Amino acid sequence: MSDATSLSENWPRNIWLDATREVAKNLAMALPPVRAWRLRSARAGASFTGADAALERYAWQATRNLTDLLGGVKGLHIVEIGPGDYLTSGLALLAAGAASYTAIDRFPGDHTGATAKAWYRGIAAAWPRCFPMLPWPEYLRAEDFPEAYPDRAKLIAGPIERVHADGRFDVVCSYQVGEHVTDIDAFAHMSAQLLAPEGVAVHRVDFGPHDCWFYYPDTLTFLRFPEWLWRLMGSQRGTPNRRRDHEFRAAFEHAGFHVELASIERFEVGDFDLTRLPPRFQAMPRESLDVSAAVYLCRLQERYLRC
């Protein structure tokens, strides 16, 4: 029995409709005019509402996470992979005392437009309430960010797998990005290349469903598709690469890192049916498939340290 026959007999019709829509979106994204329009459109956190939940997700996450893990960011040179449409986390990190912030993004948004400026002003206004122990720096004006601070804030457009960046950084970080890169080995390798000898890489990876697949009762519905069909649905759009926890750990270790698990979240037992997954996933350790999100704390092994 072919993969297609097996899938059609066991899957509800709405899954095929969703898959068809995803294929159509992916094919459209390959067209230059559509791609240019999409890159000009906000993908997440489109407008600033002032809501605490939005600030936590789109502005404070890196600052809170790095402060918790490292005890603060004062004086650190930080590079973030895939910050999103605006440099919101960069402004927050500079406000928290970081010496510089560099963003690397395959799909850079309009980080100096009117919507971005509304976010930056909102961040400055909310700062005293959300970070009362960290006074806002006198030099940093939200309205002028990032144009007025070329020595402190920089954007590099391009995929992390092929990026060229000057210098080494004290911190290399990403949040909900690793699951979208095309090559996790190159992602891990570039993290090592960008890192100063005594620096640290912090990567939070979301292993759960995205887009329409988030709404299916079986959490791992998005893993059921054969690889060729999954690529057809998302190769042009940065959809999840479906690599799992043990594969990320192996990639980081192969790149020369000692890997610590700073935090881990797991799906509830019984959330998914393993018998419907392709053989590649069925052969994986159950404890790897169970991981819904993880934060990896990576330091270069001694033999890889470079002066």
Protein backbone atom coordinates (compact mmCIF):
# COMPACT_ATOMS: atom_id res chain seq x y z
CA MET A 1 0.00 0.00 0.00
CA SER A 2 1.38 3.41 -0.95
CA ASP A 3 1.83 6.28 1.53
CA ALA A 4 -0.87 8.26 -0.26
CA THR A 5 -3.40 5.38 -0.12
CA SER A 6 -2.72 4.76 3.55
CA LEU A 7 -3.09 8.43 4.40
CA SER A 8 -6.32 8.87 2.46
CA GLU A 9 -7.94 5.90 4.20
CA ASN A 10 -7.00 6.95 7.73
CA TRP A 11 -7.14 10.74 7.74
CA PRO A 12 -10.23 12.97 7.91
CA ARG A 13 -10.98 15.06 4.84
CA ASN A 14 -10.23 18.36 6.61
CA ILE A 15 -6.57 17.38 6.98
CA TRP A 16 -6.27 17.08 3.22
CA LEU A 17 -7.99 20.43 2.77
CA ASP A 18 -5.53 22.02 5.18
CA ALA A 19 -2.63 20.32 3.41
CA THR A 20 -3.86 21.61 0.06
CA ARG A 21 -4.07 25.15 1.41
CA GLU A 22 -0.55 24.87 2.78
CA VAL A 23 0.78 23.68 -0.59
CA ALA A 24 -0.94 26.61 -2.31
CA LYS A 25 0.57 29.10 0.16
CA ASN A 26 4.01 27.62 -0.36
CA LEU A 27 3.77 27.74 -4.14
CA ALA A 28 2.59 31.36 -3.96
CA MET A 29 5.52 32.28 -1.72
CA ALA A 30 7.88 31.13 -4.48
CA LEU A 31 6.58 33.94 -6.73
CA PRO A 32 8.78 37.06 -6.35
CA PRO A 33 5.89 39.61 -6.14
CA VAL A 34 4.06 37.55 -3.53
CA ARG A 35 7.24 36.96 -1.58
CA ALA A 36 8.09 40.69 -1.59
CA TRP A 37 4.58 41.57 -0.40
CA ARG A 38 4.67 38.92 2.33
CA LEU A 39 8.02 40.11 3.65
CA ARG A 40 6.62 43.62 3.93
CA SER A 41 3.68 42.34 5.96
CA ALA A 42 3.90 41.78 9.70
CA ARG A 43 4.02 38.12 10.65
CA ALA A 44 3.58 38.28 14.43
CA GLY A 45 2.63 40.88 16.98
CA ALA A 46 1.50 43.13 14.14
CA SER A 47 0.37 46.11 16.20
CA PHE A 48 1.25 47.35 19.64
CA THR A 49 -1.64 47.02 22.08
CA GLY A 50 0.18 47.49 25.37
CA ALA A 51 -1.04 44.10 26.58
CA ASP A 52 1.30 42.44 29.06
CA ALA A 53 1.03 39.10 27.23
CA ALA A 54 2.21 40.69 23.99
CA LEU A 55 5.10 42.44 25.73
CA GLU A 56 6.17 39.21 27.38
CA ARG A 57 6.12 37.33 24.10
CA TYR A 58 7.56 39.86 21.68
CA ALA A 59 9.72 42.14 23.85
CA TRP A 60 10.71 40.70 27.23
CA GLN A 61 11.40 37.02 26.53
CA ALA A 62 15.11 37.29 25.70
CA THR A 63 15.79 39.78 28.50
CA ARG A 64 14.01 37.74 31.15
CA ASN A 65 15.48 34.44 29.98
CA LEU A 66 19.07 35.65 29.72
CA THR A 67 18.83 37.52 33.02
CA ASP A 68 17.57 34.37 34.75
CA LEU A 69 20.24 32.15 33.20
CA LEU A 70 23.23 34.51 33.28
CA GLY A 71 22.39 36.84 36.15
CA GLY A 72 22.08 39.83 33.83
CA VAL A 73 23.18 41.14 30.46
CA LYS A 74 25.13 44.26 31.45
CA GLY A 75 28.10 44.89 29.17
CA LEU A 76 27.43 41.85 26.97
CA HIS A 77 27.55 41.79 23.18
CA ILE A 78 24.51 39.80 22.10
CA VAL A 79 23.41 38.38 18.76
CA GLU A 80 19.85 37.10 18.34
CA ILE A 81 18.87 34.80 15.50
CA GLY A 82 15.40 35.40 14.09
CA PRO A 83 14.06 38.21 16.30
CA GLY A 84 10.85 38.63 14.31
CA ASP A 85 9.34 41.62 12.56
CA TYR A 86 10.75 44.28 14.86
CA LEU A 87 13.85 44.66 17.03
CA THR A 88 11.78 44.70 20.20
CA SER A 89 13.96 42.28 22.15
CA GLY A 90 17.03 44.24 21.03
CA LEU A 91 15.71 47.48 22.51
CA ALA A 92 14.85 45.68 25.75
CA LEU A 93 18.30 44.08 25.97
CA LEU A 94 20.03 47.42 25.44
CA ALA A 95 17.79 48.96 28.10
CA ALA A 96 18.83 46.14 30.44
CA GLY A 97 22.49 47.09 29.94
CA ALA A 98 23.72 45.06 26.99
CA ALA A 99 26.68 46.67 25.22
CA SER A 100 25.38 45.84 21.74
CA TYR A 101 22.67 43.90 19.96
CA THR A 102 22.88 42.28 16.54
CA ALA A 103 19.93 40.62 14.83
CA ILE A 104 20.20 37.97 12.12
CA ASP A 105 16.99 37.24 10.24
CA ARG A 106 16.16 35.36 7.05
CA PHE A 107 12.89 37.32 6.73
CA PRO A 108 13.61 40.78 8.20
CA GLY A 109 10.57 42.95 8.83
CA ASP A 110 10.09 46.71 8.67
CA HIS A 111 12.01 47.42 11.86
CA THR A 112 12.02 51.22 11.38
CA GLY A 113 8.43 51.76 10.24
CA ALA A 114 5.51 53.33 12.09
CA THR A 115 4.34 50.06 13.65
CA ALA A 116 7.83 49.25 14.86
CA LYS A 117 8.16 52.72 16.39
CA ALA A 118 4.87 52.23 18.24
CA TRP A 119 6.33 49.08 19.75
CA TYR A 120 9.54 50.83 20.77
CA ARG A 121 7.66 53.70 22.44
CA GLY A 122 5.42 51.19 24.19
CA ILE A 123 8.43 49.26 25.46
CA ALA A 124 9.96 52.41 26.94
CA ALA A 125 6.65 53.38 28.57
CA ALA A 126 6.13 49.93 30.12
CA TRP A 127 9.74 49.49 31.21
CA PRO A 128 9.54 51.14 34.69
CA ARG A 129 6.57 48.97 35.59
CA CYS A 130 7.98 45.70 34.24
CA PHE A 131 11.65 46.19 35.22
CA PRO A 132 11.61 48.54 38.23
CA MET A 133 15.13 47.50 39.30
CA LEU A 134 16.66 48.41 35.93
CA PRO A 135 16.59 52.13 35.17
CA TRP A 136 16.16 53.02 31.51
CA PRO A 137 19.55 54.25 30.10
CA GLU A 138 19.76 58.00 29.56
CA TYR A 139 21.34 57.60 26.13
CA LEU A 140 18.58 55.36 24.74
CA ARG A 141 15.64 57.05 23.04
CA ALA A 142 12.96 54.66 21.84
CA GLU A 143 11.79 57.06 19.12
CA ASP A 144 15.31 57.11 17.61
CA PHE A 145 15.88 53.36 17.80
CA PRO A 146 17.54 51.71 15.97
CA GLU A 147 18.75 54.29 13.40
CA ALA A 148 20.51 56.52 15.92
CA TYR A 149 22.56 53.66 17.39
CA PRO A 150 24.51 52.01 14.55
CA ASP A 151 27.30 51.02 16.94
CA ARG A 152 24.90 49.32 19.33
CA ALA A 153 22.11 47.93 17.11
CA LYS A 154 22.67 46.10 13.84
CA LEU A 155 20.55 43.95 11.52
CA ILE A 156 21.99 41.29 9.21
CA ALA A 157 19.53 40.02 6.60
CA GLY A 158 19.98 36.40 5.62
CA PRO A 159 19.62 32.81 6.84
CA ILE A 160 21.80 31.86 9.79
CA GLU A 161 23.07 28.86 7.82
CA ARG A 162 24.93 31.16 5.41
CA VAL A 163 25.42 34.39 7.30
CA HIS A 164 28.67 36.34 7.53
CA ALA A 165 29.03 38.41 10.69
CA ASP A 166 31.99 40.38 12.00
CA GLY A 167 33.31 39.66 15.45
CA ARG A 168 32.43 37.24 18.20
CA PHE A 169 29.63 37.63 20.71
CA ASP A 170 29.27 36.96 24.42
CA VAL A 171 25.79 35.55 23.83
CA VAL A 172 24.21 33.89 20.81
CA CYS A 173 20.49 33.33 21.36
CA SER A 174 17.27 32.42 19.61
CA TYR A 175 13.68 31.94 20.67
CA GLN A 176 11.29 29.72 18.69
CA VAL A 177 13.67 29.79 15.71
CA GLY A 178 15.62 26.52 15.68
CA GLU A 179 12.54 24.59 14.56
CA HIS A 180 12.36 26.77 11.43
CA VAL A 181 15.92 26.61 10.11
CA THR A 182 16.60 24.48 7.05
CA ASP A 183 19.76 22.85 8.43
CA ILE A 184 20.12 22.38 12.19
CA ASP A 185 23.74 21.26 11.86
CA ALA A 186 24.63 24.53 10.12
CA PHE A 187 22.56 26.39 12.72
CA ALA A 188 24.58 24.80 15.52
CA HIS A 189 27.88 25.30 13.68
CA MET A 190 27.22 29.01 13.08
CA SER A 191 26.27 29.44 16.73
CA ALA A 192 29.73 28.14 17.62
CA GLN A 193 31.41 30.34 14.99
CA LEU A 194 29.68 33.48 16.29
CA LEU A 195 30.48 32.80 19.93
CA ALA A 196 33.39 34.28 21.86
CA PRO A 197 35.56 31.60 23.57
CA GLU A 198 33.95 32.03 26.98
CA GLY A 199 30.52 32.92 25.66
CA VAL A 200 27.24 31.05 25.87
CA ALA A 201 24.59 30.10 23.33
CA VAL A 202 20.97 29.95 24.49
CA HIS A 203 18.37 28.47 22.15
CA ARG A 204 14.71 27.85 22.91
CA VAL A 205 13.15 25.43 20.44
CA ASP A 206 9.39 24.91 20.12
CA PHE A 207 8.74 21.31 19.05
CA GLY A 208 4.97 21.63 18.94
CA PRO A 209 2.57 22.15 16.04
CA HIS A 210 2.39 25.48 14.22
CA ASP A 211 -0.19 27.20 12.02
CA CYS A 212 -3.33 25.16 11.27
CA TRP A 213 -1.86 21.98 12.80
CA PHE A 214 -2.01 23.60 16.25
CA TYR A 215 -5.79 23.02 16.33
CA TYR A 216 -5.78 19.24 15.81
CA PRO A 217 -6.56 17.01 18.84
CA ASP A 218 -3.61 14.75 17.98
CA THR A 219 -0.69 17.03 18.86
CA LEU A 220 1.69 15.37 16.41
CA THR A 221 -0.60 15.43 13.38
CA PHE A 222 1.99 17.59 11.60
CA LEU A 223 4.53 14.74 11.85
CA ARG A 224 2.30 12.31 9.93
CA PHE A 225 3.10 13.71 6.49
CA PRO A 226 5.83 12.09 4.40
CA GLU A 227 8.85 14.35 4.01
CA TRP A 228 8.26 15.14 0.33
CA LEU A 229 4.76 16.41 1.07
CA TRP A 230 5.89 18.42 4.09
CA ARG A 231 8.53 20.16 1.95
CA LEU A 232 5.89 20.89 -0.68
CA MET A 233 3.80 22.59 1.99
CA GLY A 234 6.52 24.74 3.49
CA SER A 235 9.90 24.87 1.74
CA GLN A 236 9.45 28.55 0.82
CA ARG A 237 7.82 29.64 4.07
CA GLY A 238 10.10 28.71 6.97
CA THR A 239 7.67 26.15 8.38
CA PRO A 240 8.95 23.79 11.11
CA ASN A 241 11.71 21.42 10.10
CA ARG A 242 10.23 18.67 12.36
CA ARG A 243 13.63 17.84 13.86
CA ARG A 244 13.33 16.57 17.41
CA ASP A 245 15.04 17.08 20.77
CA HIS A 246 17.70 14.36 20.46
CA GLU A 247 18.64 15.62 16.99
CA PHE A 248 19.22 19.16 18.26
CA ARG A 249 21.34 17.91 21.14
CA ALA A 250 23.44 15.86 18.73
CA ALA A 251 23.84 18.85 16.37
CA PHE A 252 25.02 21.12 19.19
CA GLU A 253 27.45 18.53 20.50
CA HIS A 254 28.81 17.86 17.00
CA ALA A 255 29.42 21.62 16.62
CA GLY A 256 31.68 21.51 19.67
CA PHE A 257 29.27 22.44 22.45
CA HIS A 258 28.76 21.07 25.91
CA VAL A 259 24.97 21.11 26.18
CA GLU A 260 22.93 21.71 29.31
CA LEU A 261 19.16 21.55 29.40
CA ALA A 262 18.06 24.80 31.05
CA SER A 263 14.38 23.84 30.88
CA ILE A 264 12.13 21.30 29.22
CA GLU A 265 8.41 20.99 28.59
CA ARG A 266 6.62 17.82 27.54
CA PHE A 267 3.33 16.96 25.89
CA GLU A 268 0.80 15.30 28.12
CA VAL A 269 0.87 11.52 27.93
CA GLY A 270 -1.73 10.24 25.47
CA ASP A 271 -1.78 13.42 23.39
CA PHE A 272 -0.79 11.61 20.21
CA ASP A 273 -0.94 8.35 18.30
CA LEU A 274 2.54 7.08 17.36
CA THR A 275 1.21 4.35 15.07
CA ARG A 276 0.27 6.93 12.42
CA LEU A 277 3.72 8.46 12.19
CA PRO A 278 6.17 7.65 9.37
CA PRO A 279 8.88 5.09 10.22
CA ARG A 280 11.49 7.82 10.80
CA PHE A 281 9.53 9.20 13.73
CA GLN A 282 8.37 5.84 15.04
CA ALA A 283 12.03 4.81 15.37
CA MET A 284 12.88 7.85 17.52
CA PRO A 285 13.12 7.68 21.32
CA ARG A 286 9.72 8.31 22.87
CA GLU A 287 11.30 10.73 25.35
CA SER A 288 12.44 12.86 22.40
CA LEU A 289 9.04 12.90 20.72
CA ASP A 290 7.44 13.84 24.03
CA VAL A 291 9.34 17.14 24.22
CA SER A 292 7.15 20.14 23.39
CA ALA A 293 9.79 22.84 24.08
CA ALA A 294 13.31 23.06 25.44
CA VAL A 295 15.92 25.69 26.27
CA TYR A 296 19.47 24.59 25.48
CA LEU A 297 22.40 26.23 27.25
CA CYS A 298 25.52 25.63 25.15
CA ARG A 299 29.15 26.38 25.97
CA LEU A 300 32.12 25.52 23.79
CA GLN A 301 34.01 22.43 24.86
CA GLU A 302 37.57 23.16 25.95
CA ARG A 303 39.16 21.67 22.85
CA TYR A 304 37.11 24.02 20.66
CA LEU A 305 37.95 27.23 22.49
CA ARG A 306 39.63 29.79 20.23
CA CYS A 307 41.53 32.85 21.30
